[in-house]
Amino acid sequence: MIGAKSASHRSTRMDSKTKANPPRTGKPPRTLIQARDLGRIEVSRHVVATIAGHAAAGCYGVVAMAARGLRDGLAERLHRDKLHRGVEVEVREDGIAVSLYVIVEYGTRVSEVAHNLSNAVRYSVERTLGLPVVEVNVNVQGIHISGGSGSGS
């Protein structure tokens, strides 16, 4: 996994008017709420996951997004319209934590792909939403080997 967690020092990097909606009955918040002078903006975790999924799918070395769980030890490739299923979003007080599940191309340096992927997703989410991304975790679920037959994962 690529990503850094800082449990010892928790600084609030989010704007004082930006917060996750209060959890109901211990469940994680479903939306991000941003209060402004003219009103408020609510963004669901599904939207954040879609933004991150599209940013990840366009990265060099990433063949496809993968479903979060493995079935019989095999990674399930996700179609372009279901990329959000390969992304987990956690809303925290200090920002957003994103976990990505990907299939990478055989022969690429996995650590470089993960590093580039982390940077691309962080940039895309922060630029689009204006909220800090405090953590990006990359989970490689499989390796794709290109072959003459055209199938395989």
C-alpha atoms as a PDB file:
ATOM      1  CA  MET A   1       0.000   0.000   0.000  1.00  0.00           C
ATOM      2  CA  ILE A   2       1.188   3.477  -0.775  1.00  0.00           C
ATOM      3  CA  GLY A   3       0.029   6.258   1.513  1.00  0.00           C
ATOM      4  CA  ALA A   4       0.896   7.905   4.770  1.00  0.00           C
ATOM      5  CA  LYS A   5      -1.123   8.021   7.924  1.00  0.00           C
ATOM      6  CA  SER A   6      -0.351  10.519  10.649  1.00  0.00           C
ATOM      7  CA  ALA A   7      -2.185   9.534  13.789  1.00  0.00           C
ATOM      8  CA  SER A   8       0.047  11.396  16.237  1.00  0.00           C
ATOM      9  CA  HIS A   9      -0.440  14.911  14.837  1.00  0.00           C
ATOM     10  CA  ARG A  10      -3.883  15.832  13.568  1.00  0.00           C
ATOM     11  CA  SER A  11      -3.996  19.331  12.174  1.00  0.00           C
ATOM     12  CA  THR A  12      -7.200  20.698  10.747  1.00  0.00           C
ATOM     13  CA  ARG A  13      -6.404  21.592   7.141  1.00  0.00           C
ATOM     14  CA  MET A  14      -9.999  21.961   6.008  1.00  0.00           C
ATOM     15  CA  ASP A  15     -11.614  25.375   5.956  1.00  0.00           C
ATOM     16  CA  SER A  16     -13.560  26.078   9.130  1.00  0.00           C
ATOM     17  CA  LYS A  17     -16.710  26.309   7.008  1.00  0.00           C
ATOM     18  CA  THR A  18     -16.074  22.940   5.345  1.00  0.00           C
ATOM     19  CA  LYS A  19     -17.051  19.814   7.225  1.00  0.00           C
ATOM     20  CA  ALA A  20     -18.356  16.345   6.839  1.00  0.00           C
ATOM     21  CA  ASN A  21     -21.994  16.101   7.716  1.00  0.00           C
ATOM     22  CA  PRO A  22     -22.503  14.731  11.224  1.00  0.00           C
ATOM     23  CA  PRO A  23     -22.561  10.933  11.403  1.00  0.00           C
ATOM     24  CA  ARG A  24     -25.876   9.305  12.138  1.00  0.00           C
ATOM     25  CA  THR A  25     -25.789   6.336  14.480  1.00  0.00           C
ATOM     26  CA  GLY A  26     -22.048   5.823  14.125  1.00  0.00           C
ATOM     27  CA  LYS A  27     -22.084   5.525  10.306  1.00  0.00           C
ATOM     28  CA  PRO A  28     -19.483   7.455   8.294  1.00  0.00           C
ATOM     29  CA  PRO A  29     -20.733  10.674   6.704  1.00  0.00           C
ATOM     30  CA  ARG A  30     -22.210  10.238   3.231  1.00  0.00           C
ATOM     31  CA  THR A  31     -21.575  13.771   1.947  1.00  0.00           C
ATOM     32  CA  LEU A  32     -19.140  16.627   2.250  1.00  0.00           C
ATOM     33  CA  ILE A  33     -20.769  19.936   3.095  1.00  0.00           C
ATOM     34  CA  GLN A  34     -19.190  23.263   2.279  1.00  0.00           C
ATOM     35  CA  ALA A  35     -20.889  26.392   3.650  1.00  0.00           C
ATOM     36  CA  ARG A  36     -20.339  29.603   1.716  1.00  0.00           C
ATOM     37  CA  ASP A  37     -21.771  33.114   1.852  1.00  0.00           C
ATOM     38  CA  LEU A  38     -24.479  32.371  -0.713  1.00  0.00           C
ATOM     39  CA  GLY A  39     -25.418  28.886   0.478  1.00  0.00           C
ATOM     40  CA  ARG A  40     -23.937  25.441   0.908  1.00  0.00           C
ATOM     41  CA  ILE A  41     -22.574  22.769  -1.366  1.00  0.00           C
ATOM     42  CA  GLU A  42     -23.044  19.052  -0.698  1.00  0.00           C
ATOM     43  CA  VAL A  43     -20.908  16.463  -2.488  1.00  0.00           C
ATOM     44  CA  SER A  44     -21.572  12.745  -2.029  1.00  0.00           C
ATOM     45  CA  ARG A  45     -18.807  10.186  -1.567  1.00  0.00           C
ATOM     46  CA  HIS A  46     -19.997   8.581  -4.812  1.00  0.00           C
ATOM     47  CA  VAL A  47     -19.041  11.757  -6.701  1.00  0.00           C
ATOM     48  CA  VAL A  48     -15.601  11.837  -5.066  1.00  0.00           C
ATOM     49  CA  ALA A  49     -15.128   8.150  -5.992  1.00  0.00           C
ATOM     50  CA  THR A  50     -16.128   8.830  -9.614  1.00  0.00           C
ATOM     51  CA  ILE A  51     -13.654  11.728  -9.909  1.00  0.00           C
ATOM     52  CA  ALA A  52     -10.864   9.596  -8.408  1.00  0.00           C
ATOM     53  CA  GLY A  53     -11.767   6.592 -10.581  1.00  0.00           C
ATOM     54  CA  HIS A  54     -11.610   8.568 -13.818  1.00  0.00           C
ATOM     55  CA  ALA A  55      -8.296  10.165 -12.804  1.00  0.00           C
ATOM     56  CA  ALA A  56      -6.876   6.736 -11.958  1.00  0.00           C
ATOM     57  CA  ALA A  57      -8.097   5.062 -15.145  1.00  0.00           C
ATOM     58  CA  GLY A  58      -6.171   7.589 -17.232  1.00  0.00           C
ATOM     59  CA  CYS A  59      -2.809   6.939 -15.546  1.00  0.00           C
ATOM     60  CA  TYR A  60       0.055   5.197 -17.336  1.00  0.00           C
ATOM     61  CA  GLY A  61       0.373   1.561 -16.306  1.00  0.00           C
ATOM     62  CA  VAL A  62      -3.190   1.225 -15.038  1.00  0.00           C
ATOM     63  CA  VAL A  63      -5.070  -1.262 -17.212  1.00  0.00           C
ATOM     64  CA  ALA A  64      -8.373  -1.104 -15.323  1.00  0.00           C
ATOM     65  CA  MET A  65      -9.997  -0.408 -12.020  1.00  0.00           C
ATOM     66  CA  ALA A  66     -10.782  -3.515  -9.980  1.00  0.00           C
ATOM     67  CA  ALA A  67     -13.653  -4.333  -7.662  1.00  0.00           C
ATOM     68  CA  ARG A  68     -12.716  -3.982  -3.991  1.00  0.00           C
ATOM     69  CA  GLY A  69     -12.965  -7.680  -3.168  1.00  0.00           C
ATOM     70  CA  LEU A  70     -11.308 -10.619  -4.848  1.00  0.00           C
ATOM     71  CA  ARG A  71     -13.468 -13.519  -6.005  1.00  0.00           C
ATOM     72  CA  ASP A  72     -11.680 -16.857  -5.819  1.00  0.00           C
ATOM     73  CA  GLY A  73      -8.374 -14.972  -5.903  1.00  0.00           C
ATOM     74  CA  LEU A  74      -9.248 -13.170  -9.162  1.00  0.00           C
ATOM     75  CA  ALA A  75      -9.688  -9.442  -9.616  1.00  0.00           C
ATOM     76  CA  GLU A  76     -12.870  -8.305 -11.375  1.00  0.00           C
ATOM     77  CA  ARG A  77     -12.260  -5.641 -14.045  1.00  0.00           C
ATOM     78  CA  LEU A  78     -14.728  -2.792 -13.906  1.00  0.00           C
ATOM     79  CA  HIS A  79     -16.302  -1.162 -16.956  1.00  0.00           C
ATOM     80  CA  ARG A  80     -15.797   2.550 -17.512  1.00  0.00           C
ATOM     81  CA  ASP A  81     -19.252   3.435 -16.119  1.00  0.00           C
ATOM     82  CA  LYS A  82     -18.588   1.609 -12.813  1.00  0.00           C
ATOM     83  CA  LEU A  83     -15.138   2.975 -11.952  1.00  0.00           C
ATOM     84  CA  HIS A  84     -16.404   4.308  -8.618  1.00  0.00           C
ATOM     85  CA  ARG A  85     -16.714   0.702  -7.387  1.00  0.00           C
ATOM     86  CA  GLY A  86     -12.910   0.463  -7.440  1.00  0.00           C
ATOM     87  CA  VAL A  87     -12.571   3.425  -5.094  1.00  0.00           C
ATOM     88  CA  GLU A  88     -13.242   3.731  -1.381  1.00  0.00           C
ATOM     89  CA  VAL A  89     -13.693   7.226   0.053  1.00  0.00           C
ATOM     90  CA  GLU A  90     -13.420   8.048   3.727  1.00  0.00           C
ATOM     91  CA  VAL A  91     -14.387  11.509   4.935  1.00  0.00           C
ATOM     92  CA  ARG A  92     -12.333  12.709   7.889  1.00  0.00           C
ATOM     93  CA  GLU A  93     -12.216  15.919   9.853  1.00  0.00           C
ATOM     94  CA  ASP A  94      -8.933  16.949   8.232  1.00  0.00           C
ATOM     95  CA  GLY A  95      -9.785  15.918   4.658  1.00  0.00           C
ATOM     96  CA  ILE A  96     -10.536  12.991   2.386  1.00  0.00           C
ATOM     97  CA  ALA A  97      -8.833   9.577   2.365  1.00  0.00           C
ATOM     98  CA  VAL A  98      -9.042   7.620  -0.899  1.00  0.00           C
ATOM     99  CA  SER A  99      -8.259   3.925  -1.445  1.00  0.00           C
ATOM    100  CA  LEU A 100      -7.895   2.722  -5.038  1.00  0.00           C
ATOM    101  CA  TYR A 101      -8.125  -0.845  -6.344  1.00  0.00           C
ATOM    102  CA  VAL A 102      -6.376  -1.293  -9.687  1.00  0.00           C
ATOM    103  CA  ILE A 103      -5.017  -3.778 -12.210  1.00  0.00           C
ATOM    104  CA  VAL A 104      -1.633  -2.771 -13.633  1.00  0.00           C
ATOM    105  CA  GLU A 105       0.187  -3.692 -16.830  1.00  0.00           C
ATOM    106  CA  TYR A 106       2.824  -6.413 -16.613  1.00  0.00           C
ATOM    107  CA  GLY A 107       6.328  -5.017 -17.073  1.00  0.00           C
ATOM    108  CA  THR A 108       5.661  -1.623 -15.498  1.00  0.00           C
ATOM    109  CA  ARG A 109       7.311  -0.669 -12.238  1.00  0.00           C
ATOM    110  CA  VAL A 110       4.458  -1.035  -9.762  1.00  0.00           C
ATOM    111  CA  SER A 111       5.923   1.450  -7.276  1.00  0.00           C
ATOM    112  CA  GLU A 112       6.168   4.155  -9.985  1.00  0.00           C
ATOM    113  CA  VAL A 113       2.647   3.469 -11.221  1.00  0.00           C
ATOM    114  CA  ALA A 114       1.341   3.689  -7.635  1.00  0.00           C
ATOM    115  CA  HIS A 115       3.231   6.927  -6.965  1.00  0.00           C
ATOM    116  CA  ASN A 116       1.985   8.566 -10.191  1.00  0.00           C
ATOM    117  CA  LEU A 117      -1.518   7.287  -9.536  1.00  0.00           C
ATOM    118  CA  SER A 118      -1.510   8.732  -6.028  1.00  0.00           C
ATOM    119  CA  ASN A 119      -0.367  12.140  -7.281  1.00  0.00           C
ATOM    120  CA  ALA A 120      -2.866  12.225 -10.166  1.00  0.00           C
ATOM    121  CA  VAL A 121      -5.826  11.305  -7.965  1.00  0.00           C
ATOM    122  CA  ARG A 122      -4.824  13.765  -5.243  1.00  0.00           C
ATOM    123  CA  TYR A 123      -4.465  16.576  -7.792  1.00  0.00           C
ATOM    124  CA  SER A 124      -7.731  15.785  -9.570  1.00  0.00           C
ATOM    125  CA  VAL A 125      -9.855  15.556  -6.420  1.00  0.00           C
ATOM    126  CA  GLU A 126      -8.307  18.632  -4.789  1.00  0.00           C
ATOM    127  CA  ARG A 127      -8.604  20.696  -7.989  1.00  0.00           C
ATOM    128  CA  THR A 128     -12.195  19.649  -8.657  1.00  0.00           C
ATOM    129  CA  LEU A 129     -13.585  19.895  -5.121  1.00  0.00           C
ATOM    130  CA  GLY A 130     -11.228  22.328  -3.412  1.00  0.00           C
ATOM    131  CA  LEU A 131     -10.908  19.966  -0.439  1.00  0.00           C
ATOM    132  CA  PRO A 132      -7.669  18.444   0.862  1.00  0.00           C
ATOM    133  CA  VAL A 133      -6.854  14.802   0.198  1.00  0.00           C
ATOM    134  CA  VAL A 134      -4.906  13.601   3.230  1.00  0.00           C
ATOM    135  CA  GLU A 135      -4.288  10.034   2.101  1.00  0.00           C
ATOM    136  CA  VAL A 136      -4.269   7.977  -1.101  1.00  0.00           C
ATOM    137  CA  ASN A 137      -3.832   4.212  -0.766  1.00  0.00           C
ATOM    138  CA  VAL A 138      -3.151   2.112  -3.863  1.00  0.00           C
ATOM    139  CA  ASN A 139      -4.116  -1.572  -3.791  1.00  0.00           C
ATOM    140  CA  VAL A 140      -2.894  -3.577  -6.777  1.00  0.00           C
ATOM    141  CA  GLN A 141      -5.464  -6.341  -7.257  1.00  0.00           C
ATOM    142  CA  GLY A 142      -3.910  -7.907 -10.351  1.00  0.00           C
ATOM    143  CA  ILE A 143      -1.405  -7.777 -13.192  1.00  0.00           C
ATOM    144  CA  HIS A 144      -2.525  -7.759 -16.827  1.00  0.00           C
ATOM    145  CA  ILE A 145      -0.312  -9.599 -19.295  1.00  0.00           C
ATOM    146  CA  SER A 146      -0.871  -8.521 -22.882  1.00  0.00           C
ATOM    147  CA  GLY A 147      -1.050 -11.448 -25.247  1.00  0.00           C
ATOM    148  CA  GLY A 148      -1.960 -12.324 -28.796  1.00  0.00           C
ATOM    149  CA  SER A 149      -5.355 -13.701 -27.773  1.00  0.00           C
ATOM    150  CA  GLY A 150      -6.475 -10.334 -26.354  1.00  0.00           C
ATOM    151  CA  SER A 151      -7.845 -11.652 -23.070  1.00  0.00           C
ATOM    152  CA  GLY A 152      -6.376 -12.184 -19.644  1.00  0.00           C
ATOM    153  CA  SER A 153      -5.933 -10.515 -16.322  1.00  0.00           C
END
